[in-house]
Amino acid sequence: QVQLVESGGGLVQAGGSLRLSCTASRNIFSRYVMGWYRQAPGKQRESVAVISSGGTTNYADSVKGRFTISIDNAKNTVYLQMNSLKPEDTSVYYCNAANRVVGYEYWGQGTQVTVSS
């Protein structure tokens, strides 16, 4: 079992920045794809950014050039640096760890990000 704990959400004005953190209860990054997802009220959860064990990253078109996902292995933490935030980025952001080979997947509890115009 793996616990994922997110932090760093909050209220920010449009154009501002936030950094989300997701700390895992143990180091799983060599075996899991780590990702950030978000879900706005009345909408489906969507992928924002993912990073593979090899460091390959993939971003949703809506956040390319503004968001950066990264891993600090020494701290068992994955980050999402969010710059140039827009009101449409307002959502609950969730950390995810997935290993499709063995069929394991874990979610954090979510952190609210609100961007005011």
Protein backbone atom coordinates (compact mmCIF):
# COMPACT_ATOMS: atom_id res chain seq x y z
CA GLN A 1 0.00 0.00 0.00
CA VAL A 2 1.15 3.53 -0.83
CA GLN A 3 -0.13 6.78 0.61
CA LEU A 4 0.09 9.96 -1.44
CA VAL A 5 -0.24 13.30 0.33
CA GLU A 6 -0.69 16.48 -1.69
CA SER A 7 -0.04 20.03 -0.56
CA GLY A 8 0.47 23.47 -2.04
CA GLY A 9 -2.96 24.36 -3.30
CA GLY A 10 -4.59 27.68 -2.61
CA LEU A 11 -6.01 30.87 -4.02
CA VAL A 12 -3.98 32.85 -6.54
CA GLN A 13 -4.67 35.65 -8.99
CA ALA A 14 -4.58 35.03 -12.71
CA GLY A 15 -1.02 35.14 -13.98
CA GLY A 16 0.34 33.89 -10.68
CA SER A 17 2.15 30.69 -9.77
CA LEU A 18 1.73 27.76 -7.41
CA ARG A 19 3.74 24.63 -6.76
CA LEU A 20 1.94 21.47 -5.79
CA SER A 21 3.74 18.70 -3.93
CA CYS A 22 2.87 15.03 -3.63
CA THR A 23 4.83 13.00 -1.12
CA ALA A 24 4.68 9.22 -1.28
CA SER A 25 4.92 7.02 1.82
CA ARG A 26 7.77 5.14 0.16
CA ASN A 27 9.91 5.50 -2.95
CA ILE A 28 7.97 4.05 -5.86
CA PHE A 29 9.15 6.24 -8.70
CA SER A 30 11.26 3.56 -10.36
CA ARG A 31 8.20 1.34 -10.81
CA TYR A 32 5.29 3.75 -11.16
CA VAL A 33 4.19 6.43 -13.58
CA MET A 34 3.41 9.53 -11.54
CA GLY A 35 0.81 12.00 -12.64
CA TRP A 36 -1.25 15.01 -11.76
CA TYR A 37 -4.93 15.09 -12.63
CA ARG A 38 -7.61 17.66 -12.02
CA GLN A 39 -11.37 17.73 -11.74
CA ALA A 40 -13.53 20.83 -11.87
CA PRO A 41 -17.15 20.84 -10.62
CA GLY A 42 -19.43 19.10 -13.08
CA LYS A 43 -16.54 17.92 -15.24
CA GLN A 44 -14.67 14.66 -15.67
CA ARG A 45 -11.26 14.15 -14.15
CA GLU A 46 -8.56 14.91 -16.69
CA SER A 47 -4.85 14.25 -16.95
CA VAL A 48 -2.68 17.33 -16.52
CA ALA A 49 0.87 15.98 -16.53
CA VAL A 50 2.59 12.62 -16.18
CA ILE A 51 6.18 11.52 -15.73
CA SER A 52 7.52 8.03 -16.31
CA SER A 53 10.16 6.23 -14.34
CA GLY A 54 12.58 7.15 -17.09
CA GLY A 55 11.76 10.83 -16.81
CA THR A 56 9.63 11.15 -19.92
CA THR A 57 6.93 13.76 -19.45
CA ASN A 58 3.62 14.39 -21.12
CA TYR A 59 1.29 17.36 -20.69
CA ALA A 60 -2.23 18.25 -21.56
CA ASP A 61 -2.33 20.76 -24.42
CA SER A 62 -4.03 23.28 -22.16
CA VAL A 63 -1.04 23.46 -19.80
CA LYS A 64 1.93 22.97 -22.13
CA GLY A 65 4.52 25.68 -21.63
CA ARG A 66 3.00 26.72 -18.30
CA PHE A 67 3.18 23.63 -16.05
CA THR A 68 6.18 21.45 -15.24
CA ILE A 69 6.15 18.07 -13.53
CA SER A 70 9.27 16.87 -11.75
CA ILE A 71 10.47 14.32 -9.20
CA ASP A 72 12.78 14.59 -6.21
CA ASN A 73 13.75 11.00 -5.43
CA ALA A 74 15.52 11.93 -2.21
CA LYS A 75 12.27 13.39 -0.84
CA ASN A 76 9.88 10.82 -2.36
CA THR A 77 8.07 13.81 -3.81
CA VAL A 78 6.63 14.72 -7.19
CA TYR A 79 5.97 18.38 -7.95
CA LEU A 80 3.76 20.32 -10.30
CA GLN A 81 5.03 23.83 -10.92
CA MET A 82 2.18 25.91 -12.31
CA ASN A 83 2.93 29.28 -13.87
CA SER A 84 0.80 31.83 -15.71
CA LEU A 85 -2.28 30.43 -14.06
CA LYS A 86 -5.68 31.07 -15.61
CA PRO A 87 -9.17 31.00 -14.08
CA GLU A 88 -9.89 27.86 -16.10
CA ASP A 89 -7.13 26.07 -14.16
CA THR A 90 -9.38 26.19 -11.09
CA SER A 91 -9.92 22.59 -10.00
CA VAL A 92 -9.16 20.02 -7.37
CA TYR A 93 -5.77 18.57 -8.28
CA TYR A 94 -4.99 14.93 -7.54
CA CYS A 95 -1.72 13.06 -7.45
CA ASN A 96 -1.69 9.60 -9.01
CA ALA A 97 0.72 6.67 -9.03
CA ALA A 98 0.08 3.90 -11.53
CA ASN A 99 1.75 0.63 -12.42
CA ARG A 100 -0.28 -0.84 -15.30
CA VAL A 101 1.88 -3.98 -15.40
CA VAL A 102 0.81 -5.19 -11.97
CA GLY A 103 -2.47 -3.30 -11.94
CA TYR A 104 -1.81 -1.08 -8.95
CA GLU A 105 -2.99 2.52 -8.78
CA TYR A 106 -3.09 5.03 -5.94
CA TRP A 107 -4.64 8.48 -5.54
CA GLY A 108 -4.04 11.32 -3.16
CA GLN A 109 -6.82 13.12 -1.38
CA GLY A 110 -6.72 16.16 -3.65
CA THR A 111 -5.80 19.81 -3.17
CA GLN A 112 -7.91 22.77 -4.26
CA VAL A 113 -6.47 25.33 -6.65
CA THR A 114 -8.52 28.47 -7.24
CA VAL A 115 -7.46 31.12 -9.74
CA SER A 116 -9.26 34.44 -9.55
CA SER A 117 -9.63 36.73 -12.53
